[in-house]
């Protein structure tokens, strides 16, 4: 195994080991502060981060506003307060070592306002901004305003080319690195384009080489590329280290920091990670963002999959084969094909009696209780995304709607991520009834001898282990 040498990033010499940001109370100041203290770049998430009361207890993010716009403003206040809290905590624990980055989802509602508020309230504590899930053109402008380095997350050379030409070339001196997030291997939201097949993964090396070639065209041959997604043992990536064709390379770890003593996730979640097997991670497109995402197969995703299968097309008027009358909730008349009417009657007989319209002129069927919960979740929307398929919210006025009907085939992502991250340690059901984001390699916890006999390392022990190559 080649020696892992320090790399110059953001104006400092650090280990080329980056903690991946994980939103909604998972990448906290405690975990990222310890990662930075170990010599790498720790990353706090400012996506609805936690803040605490005077007794150190998490402040529940409860919404009282009567309208979505009112609740949206409450969410912005929660996010800024939480981000500042986590930045201060990370800074204290890092003790001046490593680097501290803040990660934000560009498609988060009011993302620019939130990150600006956090940087204003935590001046000098954050050295870098990472941002993905969208095309964050204004990331460089925000970074320049506060004099911090920025690290865009891309999944292709083409995406970086567009960002550079439109915006980043104006602030080249603050580009600390480019994160290549592999769309088939990384956890959370993935940047698969319409031209890429989710079921046909491409090897990362040719894609990263293409990214480096593009960067060199812009004079960025010495700017680090951070490989994110699928990194476990560094000896599996030995041909990337000190590779002149690739140039400076760092490695990002998003999934492995979940299973550390400093990780804030509940114990039941940690135990589930250690029991995963290959094939337990599911690349799906249920997210209300419209992006593909990588998550653990569980009851939550199974319910979404089954709901999508109980689906038929309808027409508001009799046309073609759509001549069979059907009344939605016994009131609204639509027309189905005769075979689909038989299917609908069969689902009703099984208890899936509520037909819900989708933006695609289809009906999905579920139980009365499930339909009521979907309606309640949509009504309680607080605009956590810039645009949401599930609730039809858009942060753009004057209508604050994306122009489409709310889609019952999706879900409230804020609700489920808050639920799983704040579940009780012994709440095993929480890992079944909520979304559990995960990188493709999470199944390796069960076979890696480092975690044998249920061993859970500290962040420091994990970093030391990574440096050995295995």
Protein backbone atom coordinates (compact mmCIF):
# COMPACT_ATOMS: atom_id res chain seq x y z
CA UNK A 1 0.00 0.00 0.00
CA UNK A 2 1.34 3.42 -0.98
CA UNK A 3 1.87 5.98 1.73
CA UNK A 4 -1.04 8.39 2.14
CA UNK A 5 0.57 11.82 2.03
CA UNK A 6 -0.95 15.14 2.96
CA UNK A 7 -2.58 17.15 0.21
CA UNK A 8 -2.89 20.91 -0.16
CA UNK A 9 -6.55 21.82 -0.06
CA UNK A 10 -8.14 25.17 0.61
CA UNK A 11 -4.79 26.72 1.47
CA UNK A 12 -3.80 24.10 4.06
CA UNK A 13 -2.01 20.77 4.21
CA UNK A 14 -4.44 18.06 5.35
CA UNK A 15 -4.89 14.32 4.98
CA UNK A 16 -6.69 13.56 1.71
CA UNK A 17 -9.60 12.11 3.69
CA UNK A 18 -12.90 13.97 3.52
CA UNK A 19 -16.00 13.30 5.59
CA UNK A 20 -19.07 13.29 3.35
CA UNK A 21 -21.93 15.55 4.42
CA UNK A 22 -25.20 13.85 5.35
CA UNK A 23 -28.21 16.06 5.91
CA UNK A 24 -30.89 16.36 8.58
CA UNK A 25 -29.02 15.92 11.84
CA UNK A 26 -26.54 13.24 10.77
CA UNK A 27 -23.31 15.11 9.91
CA UNK A 28 -23.05 17.02 13.16
CA UNK A 29 -20.43 19.23 14.76
CA UNK A 30 -19.32 16.38 17.01
CA UNK A 31 -18.56 13.95 14.20
CA UNK A 32 -17.05 16.54 11.85
CA UNK A 33 -15.04 18.20 14.61
CA UNK A 34 -13.40 14.89 15.49
CA UNK A 35 -12.75 14.13 11.81
CA UNK A 36 -10.96 17.46 11.40
CA UNK A 37 -9.04 16.86 14.63
CA UNK A 38 -7.79 13.61 13.09
CA UNK A 39 -6.24 15.62 10.25
CA UNK A 40 -8.82 15.47 7.46
CA UNK A 41 -11.71 17.67 6.38
CA UNK A 42 -14.78 17.29 8.56
CA UNK A 43 -18.13 18.26 7.12
CA UNK A 44 -21.16 19.54 8.96
CA UNK A 45 -24.52 19.50 7.23
CA UNK A 46 -26.59 22.65 7.39
CA UNK A 47 -29.65 20.90 5.98
CA UNK A 48 -32.02 21.35 8.93
CA UNK A 49 -29.27 20.84 11.48
CA UNK A 50 -30.10 20.53 15.18
CA UNK A 51 -29.80 23.30 17.74
CA UNK A 52 -30.01 22.78 21.50
CA UNK A 53 -31.64 24.34 24.54
CA UNK A 54 -29.80 25.47 27.68
CA UNK A 55 -29.81 21.89 29.01
CA UNK A 56 -28.24 20.47 25.84
CA UNK A 57 -31.43 18.88 24.56
CA UNK A 58 -32.32 18.98 20.87
CA UNK A 59 -34.82 21.72 20.08
CA UNK A 60 -37.73 20.00 18.26
CA UNK A 61 -38.41 21.52 14.87
CA UNK A 62 -42.15 22.01 15.30
CA UNK A 63 -44.06 24.23 12.92
CA UNK A 64 -46.94 26.46 13.95
CA UNK A 65 -47.41 28.67 10.88
CA UNK A 66 -50.84 28.58 9.28
CA UNK A 67 -49.56 28.68 5.70
CA UNK A 68 -46.75 26.93 3.87
CA UNK A 69 -44.97 30.24 3.44
CA UNK A 70 -45.16 30.86 7.18
CA UNK A 71 -43.80 27.39 7.94
CA UNK A 72 -41.11 27.87 5.30
CA UNK A 73 -39.85 30.93 7.17
CA UNK A 74 -39.80 28.92 10.40
CA UNK A 75 -37.76 26.22 8.65
CA UNK A 76 -35.23 28.81 7.48
CA UNK A 77 -34.83 30.07 11.05
CA UNK A 78 -34.37 26.51 12.37
CA UNK A 79 -31.81 25.71 9.66
CA UNK A 80 -29.69 28.81 10.26
CA UNK A 81 -29.71 28.40 14.04
CA UNK A 82 -28.82 24.71 13.73
CA UNK A 83 -26.04 25.32 11.23
CA UNK A 84 -24.42 27.96 13.45
CA UNK A 85 -24.69 25.66 16.47
CA UNK A 86 -23.02 22.76 14.66
CA UNK A 87 -20.27 24.98 13.21
CA UNK A 88 -19.36 26.29 16.67
CA UNK A 89 -19.32 22.78 18.11
CA UNK A 90 -17.13 21.45 15.28
CA UNK A 91 -14.70 24.37 15.57
CA UNK A 92 -14.21 23.79 19.29
CA UNK A 93 -13.60 20.05 18.89
CA UNK A 94 -11.26 20.43 15.90
CA UNK A 95 -8.89 22.58 17.92
CA UNK A 96 -7.48 24.26 14.83
CA UNK A 97 -6.56 20.98 13.12
CA UNK A 98 -7.72 19.81 9.69
CA UNK A 99 -10.42 21.70 7.84
CA UNK A 100 -14.10 22.28 8.53
CA UNK A 101 -16.53 22.31 5.62
CA UNK A 102 -20.28 22.91 5.50
CA UNK A 103 -22.46 20.92 3.13
CA UNK A 104 -25.76 22.11 1.73
CA UNK A 105 -28.25 20.62 -0.68
CA UNK A 106 -28.71 23.14 -3.49
CA UNK A 107 -32.30 22.00 -3.94
CA UNK A 108 -33.03 22.63 -0.27
CA UNK A 109 -35.64 25.31 0.22
CA UNK A 110 -34.01 28.74 0.62
CA UNK A 111 -30.55 27.15 0.33
CA UNK A 112 -28.84 30.47 -0.43
CA UNK A 113 -30.49 32.22 2.49
CA UNK A 114 -29.61 29.39 4.86
CA UNK A 115 -25.94 29.07 3.98
CA UNK A 116 -25.55 32.85 3.97
CA UNK A 117 -27.14 33.05 7.43
CA UNK A 118 -24.89 30.29 8.76
CA UNK A 119 -21.72 31.88 7.37
CA UNK A 120 -22.69 35.24 8.82
CA UNK A 121 -23.40 33.75 12.24
CA UNK A 122 -20.31 31.53 12.29
CA UNK A 123 -17.74 33.81 10.66
CA UNK A 124 -14.27 32.32 10.50
CA UNK A 125 -15.37 28.87 11.70
CA UNK A 126 -16.07 27.28 8.31
CA UNK A 127 -13.29 27.01 5.71
CA UNK A 128 -15.13 25.38 2.83
CA UNK A 129 -18.54 24.92 1.23
CA UNK A 130 -19.61 21.73 -0.51
CA UNK A 131 -22.81 21.63 -2.48
CA UNK A 132 -24.59 19.26 -4.82
CA UNK A 133 -28.03 17.90 -5.78
CA UNK A 134 -28.53 20.42 -8.55
CA UNK A 135 -26.41 22.91 -10.45
CA UNK A 136 -25.15 25.36 -7.79
CA UNK A 137 -24.04 28.20 -10.05
CA UNK A 138 -24.15 30.77 -7.25
CA UNK A 139 -22.01 28.68 -4.87
CA UNK A 140 -18.84 30.48 -5.93
CA UNK A 141 -20.45 33.87 -5.46
CA UNK A 142 -21.48 33.03 -1.89
CA UNK A 143 -18.03 31.61 -1.12
CA UNK A 144 -16.35 34.75 -2.46
CA UNK A 145 -18.53 36.97 -0.30
CA UNK A 146 -17.20 35.25 2.84
CA UNK A 147 -13.71 34.40 1.61
CA UNK A 148 -14.07 30.63 1.92
CA UNK A 149 -13.19 27.91 -0.55
CA UNK A 150 -15.90 26.04 -2.40
CA UNK A 151 -16.20 22.41 -3.50
CA UNK A 152 -18.94 21.73 -6.05
CA UNK A 153 -20.29 18.18 -6.22
CA UNK A 154 -20.63 16.88 -9.77
CA UNK A 155 -21.16 13.51 -11.37
CA UNK A 156 -19.66 14.23 -14.78
CA UNK A 157 -17.12 16.37 -16.59
CA UNK A 158 -19.98 17.93 -18.56
CA UNK A 159 -21.61 19.24 -15.38
CA UNK A 160 -18.39 20.84 -14.18
CA UNK A 161 -17.78 22.35 -17.61
CA UNK A 162 -21.17 24.09 -17.44
CA UNK A 163 -20.57 25.36 -13.90
CA UNK A 164 -17.11 26.67 -14.76
CA UNK A 165 -18.08 28.50 -17.90
CA UNK A 166 -21.17 30.08 -16.41
CA UNK A 167 -19.88 31.05 -12.98
CA UNK A 168 -16.81 29.46 -11.41
CA UNK A 169 -14.22 30.92 -13.79
CA UNK A 170 -14.88 34.29 -12.14
CA UNK A 171 -13.71 33.01 -8.74
CA UNK A 172 -11.11 30.42 -9.72
CA UNK A 173 -8.83 31.25 -6.82
CA UNK A 174 -11.34 29.98 -4.24
CA UNK A 175 -12.08 26.67 -5.96
CA UNK A 176 -10.64 24.33 -3.32
CA UNK A 177 -11.50 21.10 -5.11
CA UNK A 178 -14.12 19.30 -7.16
CA UNK A 179 -16.08 16.43 -5.66
CA UNK A 180 -16.81 13.66 -8.14
CA UNK A 181 -19.81 11.87 -6.63
CA UNK A 182 -20.33 8.59 -8.42
CA UNK A 183 -24.01 8.33 -9.39
CA UNK A 184 -24.10 4.55 -8.94
CA UNK A 185 -22.05 4.16 -5.78
CA UNK A 186 -22.69 7.18 -3.55
CA UNK A 187 -25.41 7.37 -0.93
CA UNK A 188 -28.25 9.84 -0.73
CA UNK A 189 -29.27 11.82 -3.81
CA UNK A 190 -27.34 10.88 -6.94
CA UNK A 191 -26.71 12.86 -10.10
CA UNK A 192 -27.76 10.41 -12.79
CA UNK A 193 -28.52 12.21 -16.03
CA UNK A 194 -31.25 11.25 -18.48
CA UNK A 195 -28.61 9.71 -20.75
CA UNK A 196 -27.31 7.34 -18.04
CA UNK A 197 -28.88 4.00 -17.16
CA UNK A 198 -29.38 3.47 -13.41
CA UNK A 199 -29.06 -0.28 -13.95
CA UNK A 200 -25.81 -0.07 -15.94
CA UNK A 201 -23.12 1.42 -13.71
CA UNK A 202 -20.03 2.87 -15.34
CA UNK A 203 -16.56 2.55 -13.84
CA UNK A 204 -15.52 5.74 -12.05
CA UNK A 205 -11.92 5.92 -13.35
CA UNK A 206 -12.69 6.88 -16.97
CA UNK A 207 -15.25 9.43 -15.77
CA UNK A 208 -12.80 11.02 -13.33
CA UNK A 209 -10.05 11.04 -15.97
CA UNK A 210 -12.44 12.91 -18.24
CA UNK A 211 -13.16 15.36 -15.42
CA UNK A 212 -9.42 15.95 -14.95
CA UNK A 213 -8.93 16.50 -18.68
CA UNK A 214 -11.69 19.11 -18.62
CA UNK A 215 -10.21 20.79 -15.55
CA UNK A 216 -6.77 20.97 -17.16
CA UNK A 217 -8.29 22.86 -20.09
CA UNK A 218 -9.15 25.55 -17.55
CA UNK A 219 -5.74 25.52 -15.84
CA UNK A 220 -6.95 23.42 -12.91
CA UNK A 221 -4.47 20.57 -13.14
CA UNK A 222 -3.39 20.99 -9.50
CA UNK A 223 -6.87 21.44 -8.05
CA UNK A 224 -7.79 18.29 -6.09
CA UNK A 225 -10.54 15.97 -7.23
CA UNK A 226 -12.36 14.28 -4.36
CA UNK A 227 -13.58 10.79 -5.18
CA UNK A 228 -16.92 10.17 -3.44
CA UNK A 229 -18.90 6.94 -3.56
CA UNK A 230 -17.76 3.36 -3.16
CA UNK A 231 -14.55 4.13 -1.26
CA UNK A 232 -13.93 1.62 1.54
CA UNK A 233 -10.37 0.23 1.69
CA UNK A 234 -7.81 2.55 0.13
CA UNK A 235 -5.69 -0.32 -1.11
CA UNK A 236 -8.52 -0.95 -3.58
CA UNK A 237 -7.78 2.51 -4.98
CA UNK A 238 -3.97 2.27 -4.95
CA UNK A 239 -3.73 2.92 -8.68
CA UNK A 240 -5.43 6.29 -8.10
CA UNK A 241 -2.86 7.46 -5.55
CA UNK A 242 0.07 9.42 -7.03
CA UNK A 243 -1.38 8.86 -10.49
CA UNK A 244 -0.03 11.58 -12.77
CA UNK A 245 -2.99 11.25 -15.14
CA UNK A 246 -5.44 11.89 -12.33
CA UNK A 247 -3.45 14.55 -10.54
CA UNK A 248 -4.15 15.36 -6.87
CA UNK A 249 -6.82 13.02 -5.50
CA UNK A 250 -8.59 12.90 -2.13
CA UNK A 251 -11.17 10.39 -0.96
CA UNK A 252 -14.54 11.06 0.61
CA UNK A 253 -16.17 8.79 3.17
CA UNK A 254 -19.86 9.29 3.72
CA UNK A 255 -21.18 5.93 4.89
CA UNK A 256 -18.35 4.76 7.15
CA UNK A 257 -18.56 7.69 9.62
CA UNK A 258 -22.14 6.61 10.35
CA UNK A 259 -20.77 3.69 12.34
CA UNK A 260 -18.59 5.52 14.85
CA UNK A 261 -19.05 6.31 18.51
CA UNK A 262 -19.39 10.01 17.72
CA UNK A 263 -22.04 9.39 15.07
CA UNK A 264 -25.39 10.74 16.31
CA UNK A 265 -27.61 8.19 14.58
CA UNK A 266 -29.65 5.90 16.87
CA UNK A 267 -28.21 2.58 17.99
CA UNK A 268 -30.88 0.66 16.07
CA UNK A 269 -29.67 2.29 12.86
CA UNK A 270 -26.07 1.33 13.63
CA UNK A 271 -27.10 -2.26 14.30
CA UNK A 272 -28.98 -2.37 11.01
CA UNK A 273 -25.88 -1.21 9.17
CA UNK A 274 -23.87 -4.10 10.61
CA UNK A 275 -26.48 -6.59 9.40
CA UNK A 276 -26.77 -5.47 5.77
CA UNK A 277 -25.97 -7.81 2.92
CA UNK A 278 -24.99 -7.16 -0.69
CA UNK A 279 -28.08 -6.14 -2.64
CA UNK A 280 -29.73 -4.46 0.35
CA UNK A 281 -29.06 -0.98 -1.08
CA UNK A 282 -31.65 0.26 -3.55
CA UNK A 283 -31.21 2.97 -6.20
CA UNK A 284 -34.68 4.45 -6.53
CA UNK A 285 -36.53 7.49 -7.85
CA UNK A 286 -39.18 7.99 -5.17
CA UNK A 287 -37.55 11.14 -3.78
CA UNK A 288 -39.67 14.31 -3.98
CA UNK A 289 -36.60 16.08 -5.41
CA UNK A 290 -36.93 14.12 -8.65
CA UNK A 291 -33.36 12.81 -8.28
CA UNK A 292 -32.39 9.19 -7.97
CA UNK A 293 -31.30 8.27 -4.47
CA UNK A 294 -29.52 5.36 -2.84
CA UNK A 295 -31.10 3.91 0.31
CA UNK A 296 -31.50 0.69 2.29
CA UNK A 297 -34.30 -1.58 1.13
CA UNK A 298 -36.86 -1.67 3.92
CA UNK A 299 -40.57 -1.55 4.58
CA UNK A 300 -40.71 2.15 3.76
CA UNK A 301 -39.37 1.74 0.22
CA UNK A 302 -41.34 -1.48 -0.27
CA UNK A 303 -44.56 0.37 0.53
CA UNK A 304 -43.71 3.05 -2.04
CA UNK A 305 -42.90 0.41 -4.63
CA UNK A 306 -46.14 -1.48 -4.03
CA UNK A 307 -48.19 1.72 -4.14
CA UNK A 308 -46.69 2.54 -7.52
CA UNK A 309 -47.66 -0.89 -8.82
CA UNK A 310 -51.30 -0.34 -7.82
CA UNK A 311 -51.68 2.21 -10.57
CA UNK A 312 -53.89 2.68 -13.62
CA UNK A 313 -54.25 5.43 -16.23
CA UNK A 314 -57.49 7.38 -16.40
CA UNK A 315 -59.17 9.84 -18.72
CA UNK A 316 -61.55 12.63 -17.67
CA UNK A 317 -63.68 11.78 -20.70
CA UNK A 318 -64.49 8.54 -22.56
CA UNK A 319 -61.85 8.15 -25.27
CA UNK A 320 -60.41 5.12 -27.03
CA UNK A 321 -60.43 2.15 -24.69
CA UNK A 322 -61.02 4.36 -21.65
CA UNK A 323 -64.78 3.91 -21.57
CA UNK A 324 -65.38 2.18 -18.22
CA UNK A 325 -66.82 4.73 -15.73
CA UNK A 326 -65.16 4.96 -12.33
CA UNK A 327 -65.95 7.33 -9.48
CA UNK A 328 -63.01 8.60 -7.41
CA UNK A 329 -64.11 8.57 -3.78
CA UNK A 330 -67.63 7.94 -5.06
CA UNK A 331 -67.86 11.47 -6.49
CA UNK A 332 -65.53 12.41 -9.36
CA UNK A 333 -66.24 10.56 -12.59
CA UNK A 334 -63.30 9.37 -14.70
CA UNK A 335 -62.90 6.62 -17.26
CA UNK A 336 -60.67 3.54 -17.16
CA UNK A 337 -60.08 0.70 -19.57
CA UNK A 338 -62.21 -2.31 -18.74
CA UNK A 339 -59.19 -4.45 -17.66
CA UNK A 340 -57.99 -1.61 -15.41
CA UNK A 341 -61.45 -1.29 -13.89
CA UNK A 342 -61.25 -4.97 -12.92
CA UNK A 343 -57.83 -4.38 -11.38
CA UNK A 344 -59.13 -1.39 -9.43
CA UNK A 345 -62.06 -3.39 -8.10
CA UNK A 346 -59.64 -6.12 -7.05
CA UNK A 347 -57.47 -3.65 -5.10
CA UNK A 348 -60.56 -2.23 -3.43
CA UNK A 349 -61.55 -5.72 -2.33
CA UNK A 350 -58.10 -6.10 -0.74
CA UNK A 351 -58.58 -2.91 1.28
CA UNK A 352 -56.86 -0.43 -1.03
CA UNK A 353 -60.04 1.56 -1.47
CA UNK A 354 -58.68 5.09 -1.88
CA UNK A 355 -57.80 6.22 -5.40
CA UNK A 356 -55.41 9.17 -5.52
CA UNK A 357 -54.67 11.17 -8.66
CA UNK A 358 -51.09 11.72 -9.82
CA UNK A 359 -49.60 14.41 -12.11
CA UNK A 360 -49.37 11.76 -14.85
CA UNK A 361 -53.16 11.23 -15.15
CA UNK A 362 -53.02 7.97 -13.27
CA UNK A 363 -54.68 6.72 -10.12
CA UNK A 364 -52.77 4.98 -7.34
CA UNK A 365 -54.62 2.93 -4.78
CA UNK A 366 -53.93 2.62 -1.08
CA UNK A 367 -55.74 2.11 2.20
CA UNK A 368 -57.93 4.80 3.69
CA UNK A 369 -55.47 5.26 6.55
CA UNK A 370 -52.49 5.61 4.19
CA UNK A 371 -54.34 8.10 1.99
CA UNK A 372 -55.29 10.17 5.04
CA UNK A 373 -51.65 10.23 6.18
CA UNK A 374 -50.47 11.27 2.72
CA UNK A 375 -52.97 14.11 2.70
CA UNK A 376 -51.92 15.20 6.21
CA UNK A 377 -48.23 15.18 5.25
CA UNK A 378 -48.91 17.23 2.12
CA UNK A 379 -50.98 19.72 4.10
CA UNK A 380 -48.19 20.10 6.70
CA UNK A 381 -45.56 20.98 4.05
CA UNK A 382 -43.02 23.56 5.22
CA UNK A 383 -41.19 23.98 1.92
CA UNK A 384 -38.01 22.10 2.82
CA UNK A 385 -37.15 21.77 -0.90
CA UNK A 386 -36.92 24.45 -3.55
CA UNK A 387 -39.49 22.38 -5.42
CA UNK A 388 -41.31 19.33 -4.13
CA UNK A 389 -43.09 16.69 -6.17
CA UNK A 390 -44.91 15.35 -3.12
CA UNK A 391 -46.60 18.59 -2.04
CA UNK A 392 -46.36 20.69 -5.26
CA UNK A 393 -44.49 23.40 -3.27
CA UNK A 394 -42.12 25.80 -5.02
CA UNK A 395 -40.15 28.54 -3.30
CA UNK A 396 -40.79 30.86 -6.22
CA UNK A 397 -43.65 33.31 -5.98
CA UNK A 398 -46.22 34.50 -6.58
CA UNK A 399 -48.05 31.19 -6.51
CA UNK A 400 -45.44 29.14 -4.61
CA UNK A 401 -46.42 26.06 -6.60
CA UNK A 402 -44.46 24.02 -9.11
CA UNK A 403 -47.52 23.96 -11.35
CA UNK A 404 -48.15 20.23 -10.97
CA UNK A 405 -50.54 18.21 -8.88
CA UNK A 406 -49.00 16.83 -5.70
CA UNK A 407 -47.71 13.31 -6.30
CA UNK A 408 -48.87 10.65 -3.80
CA UNK A 409 -46.25 8.22 -5.15
CA UNK A 410 -43.54 10.19 -3.33
CA UNK A 411 -43.21 11.17 0.35
CA UNK A 412 -42.36 13.97 2.80
CA UNK A 413 -38.59 13.72 2.95
CA UNK A 414 -38.25 16.16 5.85
CA UNK A 415 -40.61 14.12 8.02
CA UNK A 416 -38.95 10.75 7.45
CA UNK A 417 -35.35 11.98 7.82
CA UNK A 418 -36.19 13.81 11.03
CA UNK A 419 -37.96 10.69 12.32
CA UNK A 420 -35.12 8.25 11.72
CA UNK A 421 -32.33 10.55 12.90
CA UNK A 422 -34.13 11.36 16.17
CA UNK A 423 -35.57 7.92 16.92
CA UNK A 424 -34.90 6.23 20.23
CA UNK A 425 -31.85 3.96 20.35
CA UNK A 426 -34.04 0.88 20.80
CA UNK A 427 -36.62 1.81 18.14
CA UNK A 428 -35.92 -0.95 15.64
CA UNK A 429 -39.14 -0.18 13.75
CA UNK A 430 -37.76 3.26 12.86
CA UNK A 431 -35.30 1.62 10.46
CA UNK A 432 -38.20 -0.08 8.67
CA UNK A 433 -40.75 2.74 8.50
CA UNK A 434 -38.41 5.55 7.40
CA UNK A 435 -36.03 6.40 4.59
CA UNK A 436 -32.51 5.25 5.44
CA UNK A 437 -30.00 6.73 3.00
CA UNK A 438 -26.87 4.66 2.44
CA UNK A 439 -23.94 4.31 0.10
CA UNK A 440 -23.66 1.23 -2.07
CA UNK A 441 -20.89 -0.29 0.07
CA UNK A 442 -22.75 -0.26 3.40
CA UNK A 443 -23.14 -4.05 3.21
CA UNK A 444 -19.38 -4.29 3.83
CA UNK A 445 -19.78 -3.42 7.52
CA UNK A 446 -20.86 -7.04 8.04
CA UNK A 447 -17.77 -8.56 6.41
CA UNK A 448 -15.01 -6.07 7.29
CA UNK A 449 -12.95 -7.61 10.13
CA UNK A 450 -12.47 -4.12 11.55
CA UNK A 451 -16.06 -4.28 12.80
CA UNK A 452 -15.96 -7.89 14.01
CA UNK A 453 -17.75 -8.71 17.26
CA UNK A 454 -19.80 -5.56 16.92
CA UNK A 455 -16.84 -3.19 17.30
CA UNK A 456 -17.75 0.47 16.76
CA UNK A 457 -14.66 2.70 16.42
CA UNK A 458 -14.16 6.30 17.35
CA UNK A 459 -13.68 8.71 14.46
CA UNK A 460 -9.96 8.82 15.31
CA UNK A 461 -9.71 5.03 15.18
CA UNK A 462 -11.57 4.97 11.86
CA UNK A 463 -9.23 7.51 10.28
CA UNK A 464 -6.20 5.61 11.56
CA UNK A 465 -7.62 2.40 10.08
CA UNK A 466 -8.29 4.08 6.71
CA UNK A 467 -4.67 5.26 6.58
CA UNK A 468 -3.47 1.64 6.75
CA UNK A 469 -5.20 0.99 3.47
CA UNK A 470 -7.58 -1.60 4.92
